[in-house]
Protein backbone atom coordinates (compact mmCIF):
# COMPACT_ATOMS: atom_id res chain seq x y z
CA MET A 1 -17.19 6.18 -34.58
CA LEU A 2 -17.74 2.53 -33.69
CA LYS A 3 -17.64 1.44 -30.06
CA ILE A 4 -15.63 -1.77 -30.08
CA GLN A 5 -16.30 -4.56 -27.58
CA TYR A 6 -13.49 -7.04 -26.99
CA SER A 7 -14.28 -10.71 -26.43
CA LEU A 8 -13.45 -12.33 -23.10
CA ASP A 9 -13.92 -15.87 -24.40
CA SER A 10 -10.87 -18.13 -24.44
CA GLU A 11 -10.32 -21.71 -25.52
CA LEU A 12 -8.99 -23.74 -22.59
CA ILE A 13 -6.35 -26.07 -24.00
CA ASN A 14 -5.46 -28.02 -20.87
CA SER A 15 -5.34 -27.87 -17.07
CA ILE A 16 -3.24 -25.47 -15.00
CA ARG A 17 0.45 -26.26 -15.33
CA ASP A 18 3.18 -26.02 -12.70
CA LEU A 19 6.48 -24.24 -13.28
CA ALA A 20 9.92 -25.03 -11.95
CA LEU A 21 11.02 -22.81 -9.08
CA PRO A 22 13.51 -20.09 -10.07
CA GLU A 23 16.89 -19.71 -8.39
CA GLU A 24 15.76 -16.39 -6.92
CA LEU A 25 12.47 -14.74 -6.05
CA HIS A 26 12.20 -10.97 -6.44
CA ILE A 27 9.27 -10.09 -4.18
CA GLN A 28 7.98 -6.53 -4.45
CA VAL A 29 7.85 -4.88 -1.03
CA ARG A 30 7.40 -1.23 -1.96
CA ASN A 31 5.09 0.53 0.52
CA LEU A 32 4.89 -2.60 2.71
CA VAL A 33 6.02 -3.11 6.30
CA LEU A 34 8.98 -5.49 6.20
CA LYS A 35 9.10 -8.30 8.74
CA THR A 36 12.48 -9.72 7.79
CA LYS A 37 15.94 -8.49 6.79
CA LYS A 38 18.97 -9.32 4.70
CA GLY A 39 20.65 -12.52 5.84
CA SER A 40 17.47 -14.09 7.27
CA VAL A 41 16.78 -17.73 6.44
CA LEU A 42 13.09 -18.26 5.70
CA THR A 43 10.82 -21.26 5.54
CA LYS A 44 8.25 -21.50 2.74
CA GLY A 45 5.15 -19.60 3.85
CA GLU A 46 6.94 -17.43 6.40
CA VAL A 47 5.82 -13.79 6.60
CA ILE A 48 7.96 -11.36 4.63
CA ALA A 49 5.92 -8.18 4.93
CA GLU A 50 2.58 -6.84 6.09
CA HIS A 51 0.29 -4.46 4.27
CA PRO A 52 -0.06 -1.06 5.98
CA ALA A 53 -3.72 -0.68 5.01
CA PRO A 54 -6.35 -2.03 7.42
CA GLY A 55 -7.44 -5.42 6.13
CA GLY A 56 -4.62 -5.78 3.62
CA GLY A 57 -3.18 -9.29 3.33
CA ALA A 58 0.34 -10.18 4.44
CA PHE A 59 3.04 -11.36 2.02
CA HIS A 60 4.91 -14.64 2.40
CA ALA A 61 7.93 -16.49 1.06
CA ALA A 62 6.89 -18.70 -1.87
CA ALA A 63 9.87 -20.96 -1.20
CA GLY A 64 12.43 -21.63 1.49
CA GLY A 65 15.67 -19.72 1.17
CA LYS A 66 17.95 -16.93 2.31
CA VAL A 67 17.31 -13.21 1.94
CA THR A 68 20.28 -11.93 -0.05
CA GLY A 69 19.14 -8.38 -0.71
CA VAL A 70 16.53 -5.82 0.31
CA ASN A 71 15.88 -2.41 -1.20
CA TYR A 72 13.01 0.05 -1.44
CA HIS A 73 11.36 -1.87 -4.25
CA SER A 74 12.00 -5.57 -3.74
CA LEU A 75 13.34 -8.35 -1.55
CA ILE A 76 15.57 -11.00 -3.13
CA LEU A 77 15.20 -14.52 -1.79
CA ARG A 78 17.75 -17.13 -2.84
CA CYS A 79 15.73 -20.36 -3.10
CA THR A 80 17.06 -23.55 -1.50
CA GLY A 81 14.28 -25.79 -2.82
CA GLY A 82 13.50 -27.32 0.56
CA GLU A 83 10.07 -28.88 1.14
CA GLU A 84 9.65 -27.59 4.70
CA THR A 85 6.71 -25.20 5.19
CA VAL A 86 5.17 -23.27 8.04
CA SER A 87 2.59 -25.08 10.15
CA PRO A 88 -0.96 -24.94 8.73
CA VAL A 89 -3.76 -23.09 10.51
CA ASP A 90 -7.14 -24.75 11.06
CA VAL A 91 -9.29 -21.96 9.65
CA ASN A 92 -12.52 -23.97 9.85
CA SER A 93 -12.29 -24.32 13.63
CA MET A 94 -12.57 -20.57 14.20
CA GLY A 95 -15.66 -18.45 14.65
CA ASN A 96 -16.77 -15.79 12.24
CA GLY A 97 -15.57 -12.69 14.05
CA ALA A 98 -12.49 -10.50 14.32
CA GLU A 99 -10.16 -13.41 15.16
CA LEU A 100 -10.96 -15.21 11.92
CA LEU A 101 -10.45 -12.04 9.88
CA ARG A 102 -7.12 -11.43 11.60
CA VAL A 103 -5.95 -14.98 10.84
CA LEU A 104 -7.03 -14.73 7.20
CA GLN A 105 -5.23 -11.41 6.86
CA GLY A 106 -2.10 -13.04 8.28
CA LEU A 107 -2.41 -15.76 5.64
CA GLY A 108 -2.38 -13.24 2.81
CA VAL A 109 -6.10 -12.64 2.28
CA ASN A 110 -7.32 -9.09 1.69
CA VAL A 111 -10.16 -9.19 4.22
CA ILE A 112 -11.62 -5.74 3.46
CA GLN A 113 -14.10 -7.37 1.08
CA LEU A 114 -15.09 -9.85 3.82
CA MET A 115 -15.84 -7.37 6.61
CA GLY A 116 -19.33 -6.51 7.79
CA ARG A 117 -22.57 -7.83 6.33
CA ALA A 118 -23.88 -7.89 2.75
CA GLU A 119 -27.37 -8.11 1.32
CA VAL A 120 -26.05 -9.44 -1.99
CA LEU A 121 -22.75 -11.21 -2.62
CA VAL A 122 -21.68 -11.21 -6.28
CA ILE A 123 -18.96 -13.57 -7.52
CA ASN A 124 -17.36 -12.06 -10.63
CA GLY A 125 -16.72 -15.13 -12.78
CA LEU A 126 -15.72 -13.38 -15.99
CA ASN A 127 -12.16 -13.34 -17.30
CA PRO A 128 -10.71 -9.99 -16.20
CA GLU A 129 -9.37 -8.94 -19.62
CA PRO A 130 -9.17 -10.23 -23.18
CA GLY A 131 -6.46 -12.85 -23.51
CA VAL A 132 -6.56 -13.73 -19.79
CA SER A 133 -8.43 -17.00 -19.19
CA VAL A 134 -7.68 -17.52 -15.48
CA ALA A 135 -11.26 -17.08 -14.22
CA GLN A 136 -12.60 -19.44 -16.86
CA GLN A 137 -9.94 -22.03 -15.96
CA LEU A 138 -10.61 -21.83 -12.22
CA LEU A 139 -14.35 -22.19 -12.72
CA ARG A 140 -13.64 -25.41 -14.60
CA ASP A 141 -10.78 -26.90 -12.57
CA GLY A 142 -11.02 -25.26 -9.13
CA ARG A 143 -14.53 -26.24 -8.05
CA GLU A 144 -13.44 -27.61 -4.65
CA GLU A 145 -11.47 -24.48 -3.76
CA LEU A 146 -14.24 -22.17 -4.99
CA ALA A 147 -16.87 -24.03 -2.98
CA ALA A 148 -14.72 -23.83 0.17
CA GLY A 149 -14.00 -20.15 -0.39
CA LEU A 150 -17.64 -19.32 -0.97
CA ALA A 151 -18.74 -21.21 2.15
CA LEU A 152 -16.38 -19.10 4.26
CA ALA A 153 -17.32 -15.85 2.51
CA ARG A 154 -21.01 -16.57 3.15
CA LYS A 155 -20.22 -17.37 6.77
CA LEU A 156 -18.58 -13.97 7.23
CA LEU A 157 -20.91 -11.81 5.14
CA ALA A 158 -24.23 -13.65 5.73
CA PRO A 159 -25.75 -12.45 2.43
CA ASN A 160 -29.43 -12.90 1.63
CA ARG A 161 -28.57 -13.57 -2.00
CA THR A 162 -25.41 -15.03 -3.56
CA VAL A 163 -24.89 -14.75 -7.30
CA LEU A 164 -22.22 -16.10 -9.65
CA ALA A 165 -21.90 -13.78 -12.65
CA ALA A 166 -20.72 -16.10 -15.43
CA PRO A 167 -20.41 -15.76 -19.22
CA LYS A 168 -23.75 -16.16 -20.95
CA GLY A 169 -24.22 -19.68 -22.24
CA ASP A 170 -21.44 -21.17 -20.11
CA PRO A 171 -22.92 -23.92 -17.88
CA VAL A 172 -20.78 -23.25 -14.81
CA SER A 173 -21.85 -23.09 -11.19
CA ILE A 174 -20.61 -22.92 -7.61
CA PRO A 175 -22.54 -24.68 -4.82
CA GLY A 176 -24.43 -22.08 -2.79
CA ALA A 177 -24.77 -19.50 -5.57
CA GLU A 178 -27.32 -18.88 -8.29
CA THR A 179 -25.85 -18.23 -11.74
CA VAL A 180 -26.60 -15.13 -13.82
CA GLY A 181 -25.30 -14.84 -17.38
CA VAL A 182 -23.32 -11.72 -18.34
CA ARG A 183 -22.05 -10.80 -21.81
CA ALA A 184 -18.47 -12.01 -22.14
CA LYS A 185 -17.25 -8.75 -23.66
CA TYR A 186 -14.76 -6.30 -22.19
CA PRO A 187 -15.34 -4.04 -20.23
CA TYR A 188 -18.38 -5.93 -18.84
CA SER A 189 -16.02 -7.91 -16.60
CA LEU A 190 -15.35 -4.82 -14.46
CA ASP A 191 -16.84 -5.22 -10.98
CA ALA A 192 -19.10 -2.17 -11.25
CA LEU A 193 -20.55 -3.34 -14.56
CA VAL A 194 -20.98 -6.90 -13.30
CA VAL A 195 -22.96 -5.59 -10.32
CA ARG A 196 -25.16 -3.53 -12.62
CA ALA A 197 -25.80 -6.58 -14.82
CA VAL A 198 -26.77 -8.68 -11.80
CA THR A 199 -28.80 -6.16 -9.78
CA GLY A 200 -29.93 -3.69 -12.42
CA LYS A 201 -28.51 -0.87 -10.31
CA GLU A 202 -25.30 1.15 -10.26
CA PHE A 203 -23.45 0.96 -6.93
CA PRO A 204 -26.36 -0.48 -4.89
CA GLU A 205 -26.00 -0.43 -1.13
CA GLY A 206 -25.35 -3.71 0.62
CA THR A 207 -23.68 -5.38 -2.37
CA ARG A 208 -20.23 -6.94 -2.17
CA VAL A 209 -18.14 -8.26 -5.08
CA ILE A 210 -15.43 -10.93 -4.99
CA ASN A 211 -13.72 -12.13 -8.16
CA VAL A 212 -13.12 -15.81 -8.86
CA MET A 213 -9.35 -15.50 -8.39
CA ASP A 214 -9.71 -14.09 -4.86
CA LEU A 215 -12.38 -16.68 -4.03
CA TYR A 216 -10.06 -19.47 -5.22
CA ASP A 217 -7.22 -18.14 -3.04
CA LEU A 218 -9.59 -17.99 -0.07
CA GLY A 219 -10.63 -21.58 -0.70
CA GLN A 220 -7.03 -22.73 -0.86
CA VAL A 221 -6.36 -21.09 2.49
CA VAL A 222 -9.42 -22.85 3.95
CA LEU A 223 -8.48 -26.28 2.58
CA THR A 224 -4.74 -26.18 3.30
CA GLY A 225 -4.41 -23.74 6.21
CA LEU A 226 -1.36 -22.32 4.41
CA PRO A 227 -0.73 -18.76 3.21
CA ILE A 228 -1.10 -17.52 -0.36
CA THR A 229 2.26 -17.90 -2.11
CA GLU A 230 1.35 -18.20 -5.80
CA THR A 231 -0.86 -16.78 -8.51
CA VAL A 232 -2.33 -18.28 -11.67
CA MET A 233 -1.27 -16.55 -14.91
CA THR A 234 -2.17 -16.82 -18.57
CA ILE A 235 1.02 -16.90 -20.62
CA ALA A 236 1.03 -17.63 -24.37
CA GLY A 237 -2.44 -19.17 -24.20
CA HIS A 238 -1.79 -21.52 -21.26
CA ASN A 239 -2.41 -21.09 -17.53
CA TYR A 240 0.39 -21.65 -15.03
CA ARG A 241 0.81 -21.66 -11.26
CA VAL A 242 3.52 -19.08 -10.65
CA PRO A 243 5.22 -18.50 -7.28
CA ILE A 244 4.88 -14.87 -6.21
CA GLY A 245 8.14 -13.08 -6.87
CA THR A 246 9.15 -15.21 -9.87
CA PRO A 247 11.27 -12.97 -12.12
CA VAL A 248 9.87 -12.35 -15.60
CA ARG A 249 13.23 -13.42 -17.01
CA HIS A 250 12.69 -16.91 -15.58
CA LEU A 251 9.23 -17.16 -17.16
CA LEU A 252 10.57 -16.16 -20.57
CA ASP A 253 13.49 -18.60 -20.36
CA ILE A 254 11.59 -21.63 -19.08
CA LEU A 255 8.74 -21.18 -21.58
CA GLY A 256 11.02 -20.37 -24.51
CA LEU A 257 9.48 -16.96 -25.24
CA ASP A 258 11.58 -14.68 -27.42
CA THR A 259 11.87 -10.95 -26.88
CA HIS A 260 13.76 -8.30 -28.80
CA PRO A 261 15.00 -4.78 -28.05
CA GLY A 262 12.11 -2.35 -27.97
CA ASP A 263 9.46 -4.98 -27.13
CA THR A 264 7.06 -4.20 -24.30
CA ILE A 265 6.38 -6.83 -21.64
CA VAL A 266 3.24 -6.34 -19.60
CA LEU A 267 2.28 -8.00 -16.31
CA GLY A 268 -1.49 -8.17 -16.05
CA GLY A 269 -3.75 -7.72 -19.05
CA PRO A 270 -3.49 -5.76 -22.30
CA PHE A 271 -5.76 -2.97 -21.04
CA ARG A 272 -4.93 -2.54 -17.33
CA GLY A 273 -1.56 -4.25 -17.04
CA GLU A 274 1.70 -2.45 -16.34
CA ALA A 275 4.83 -2.59 -18.48
CA ILE A 276 7.81 -3.90 -16.55
CA TYR A 277 10.97 -1.86 -16.17
CA SER A 278 13.32 -4.87 -15.94
CA LEU A 279 13.26 -8.58 -16.74
CA ASP A 280 14.24 -9.11 -13.10
CA GLU A 281 10.91 -7.71 -11.92
CA GLY A 282 8.95 -10.27 -9.91
CA VAL A 283 5.37 -11.40 -10.40
CA LYS A 284 2.85 -9.92 -7.95
CA LYS A 285 -0.10 -11.57 -6.22
CA THR A 286 -2.59 -9.84 -8.51
CA ASP A 287 -0.82 -10.52 -11.82
CA TYR A 288 -2.98 -12.85 -13.92
CA GLY A 289 -1.27 -12.58 -17.28
CA LEU A 290 1.96 -11.85 -19.13
CA PHE A 291 1.93 -10.31 -22.60
CA ILE A 292 4.70 -9.41 -25.04
CA THR A 293 4.07 -6.64 -27.57
CA SER A 294 6.65 -6.37 -30.32
CA SER A 295 8.10 -2.94 -30.99
CA ASP A 296 6.54 -2.75 -34.46
CA ALA A 297 3.05 -3.98 -33.49
CA ILE A 298 1.49 -0.68 -32.42
CA PRO A 299 2.72 2.93 -32.15
CA ALA A 300 4.50 3.71 -28.92
CA VAL A 301 2.70 5.61 -26.15
CA GLN A 302 3.98 9.17 -25.93
CA ASP A 303 3.24 12.51 -24.28
CA ALA A 304 1.60 13.86 -27.40
CA ALA A 305 -0.99 16.61 -27.39
CA CYS A 306 -4.64 15.62 -27.28
CA ILE A 307 -6.27 15.99 -30.73
CA ASN A 308 -9.81 16.30 -29.28
CA CYS A 309 -11.15 13.39 -31.34
CA GLY A 310 -13.49 12.26 -28.55
CA GLU A 311 -12.61 8.57 -28.94
CA CYS A 312 -11.80 8.17 -25.22
CA VAL A 313 -15.16 9.67 -24.24
CA LEU A 314 -16.97 7.32 -26.62
CA GLN A 315 -15.21 4.27 -25.18
CA CYS A 316 -15.52 5.18 -21.47
CA PRO A 317 -17.96 2.93 -19.56
CA ALA A 318 -17.94 5.34 -16.59
CA ARG A 319 -19.18 8.23 -18.79
CA VAL A 320 -16.38 10.60 -17.79
CA GLN A 321 -14.02 12.64 -19.96
CA PRO A 322 -10.56 11.03 -19.85
CA HIS A 323 -9.02 13.63 -22.14
CA LEU A 324 -9.81 16.43 -19.69
CA ILE A 325 -8.81 14.40 -16.63
CA SER A 326 -5.46 13.51 -18.21
CA ARG A 327 -4.74 17.13 -19.08
CA CYS A 328 -5.37 18.17 -15.49
CA ALA A 329 -3.10 15.38 -14.23
CA GLU A 330 -0.40 16.29 -16.74
CA TYR A 331 -0.22 19.80 -15.28
CA GLU A 332 -0.70 18.65 -11.67
CA ARG A 333 -4.18 20.17 -11.31
CA PHE A 334 -5.42 17.15 -9.39
CA GLU A 335 -8.41 18.74 -7.63
CA GLU A 336 -9.68 19.93 -11.00
CA ALA A 337 -9.31 16.37 -12.30
CA GLU A 338 -11.68 15.28 -9.52
CA ARG A 339 -14.29 17.72 -10.79
CA TYR A 340 -14.11 16.07 -14.21
CA GLY A 341 -14.89 12.63 -12.72
CA LEU A 342 -11.49 11.25 -11.74
CA ASN A 343 -12.91 9.18 -8.87
CA SER A 344 -15.61 7.68 -11.10
CA CYS A 345 -12.98 6.14 -13.38
CA PHE A 346 -12.88 2.30 -13.32
CA GLU A 347 -9.30 2.27 -14.72
CA CYS A 348 -10.43 -0.10 -17.47
CA GLY A 349 -7.77 1.23 -19.85
CA LEU A 350 -10.09 1.55 -22.86
CA CYS A 351 -9.29 5.25 -23.23
CA ALA A 352 -5.55 4.73 -23.55
CA PHE A 353 -5.96 1.59 -25.67
CA ASN A 354 -8.06 3.46 -28.23
CA CYS A 355 -6.36 6.88 -28.12
CA PHE A 356 -5.38 7.93 -31.66
CA ALA A 357 -2.72 10.27 -30.28
CA ARG A 358 -1.29 7.42 -28.11
CA ARG A 359 -1.41 9.50 -24.94
CA PRO A 360 -0.81 7.63 -21.65
CA LEU A 361 -4.31 8.40 -20.39
CA LEU A 362 -4.58 5.56 -17.87
CA GLN A 363 -1.16 6.35 -16.46
CA TYR A 364 -2.15 10.01 -15.98
CA ILE A 365 -5.35 8.95 -14.22
CA ARG A 366 -3.50 6.57 -11.89
CA PHE A 367 -0.91 9.27 -11.22
CA ALA A 368 -3.60 11.78 -10.23
CA LYS A 369 -5.31 9.31 -7.91
CA ALA A 370 -1.99 8.40 -6.27
CA GLN A 371 -1.10 12.04 -5.71
CA LEU A 372 -4.46 12.79 -4.13
CA ARG A 373 -4.18 9.73 -1.87
CA ALA A 374 -0.71 10.83 -0.78
CA LYS A 375 -2.00 14.34 -0.11
CA GLY A 376 -4.83 12.94 2.00
CA GLN A 377 -2.44 10.79 3.99
CA ASP A 378 -0.15 13.75 4.61
CA ALA A 379 -3.13 15.79 5.84
CA GLN A 380 -4.06 13.05 8.32
CA ALA A 381 -0.51 12.64 9.64
């Protein structure tokens, strides 16, 4: 069997494009702590929800408007198109302690990766998945934001060494970081594999990783003092600034993308992305791509029996056995899945992508992890 490596190189056609604001934003609020309610009138940048996890970034309105609906999964904001925004925060005037972290968290930054001290700070500058060129685009066009973000990250983490992991042969740089070339092949863009390429060690102590997209968001917060309200996405070969909560239906309509019954639409990348359940589903903060797979392009994923071909084991960069883990998850034997290496899985998606039986291996793995997390939370309550 041949172990295939998928290229992360993309040809950048132009600069990042802006999109017209949709009539409604469908902001996902599942498992978040809501800070507004139906009927509320919001200003652009106003807090909608907070993350329950320590250090998790808050969520904000990407446009001014009125909340017309709230359910378990999403909040619907009817956009008015007004230019008024919340008042900016002078992030640079603050110290480097708990107050700064609290303010950044309130502006939508996940500050867990910025807490404490680090011996080595690694900036993951590789495109996250094949077909997604966001990191490459930001390294070319977002130098000011990346420099500002890195300056603040270095202020908080005080690393002895700062490294930008960039595609080999690509002459990119960020002020304040040395550049190390990494093979632009998937799955080498995964954080754990990037760290190994930079340090020569697996999971070394004192090493922190921040990807280029998060660093860019941090830099925007520093430069503008405003919360994170948009993401950058690769769609049909171009990169766009997309307000968080933009319905997929709006993206398809405004870009003239055709879909047909049975097609699969994925938010994220082709390996780790998630198929949407409705065209009304809104874009999330961590969605960096949108892909359409026609119904006749590849066989559909199904709950078929494992044929023990070993292809998933061959492809796995974490050296675990996805076929055994998925079987345990399928029959709700989650603790046994842990013994087969569940927690060592990077969730790269290579196992499911290459499975000859078309089993939903990644989905089983994510299901097992979610069930064990929920069990742990119940035990602590």
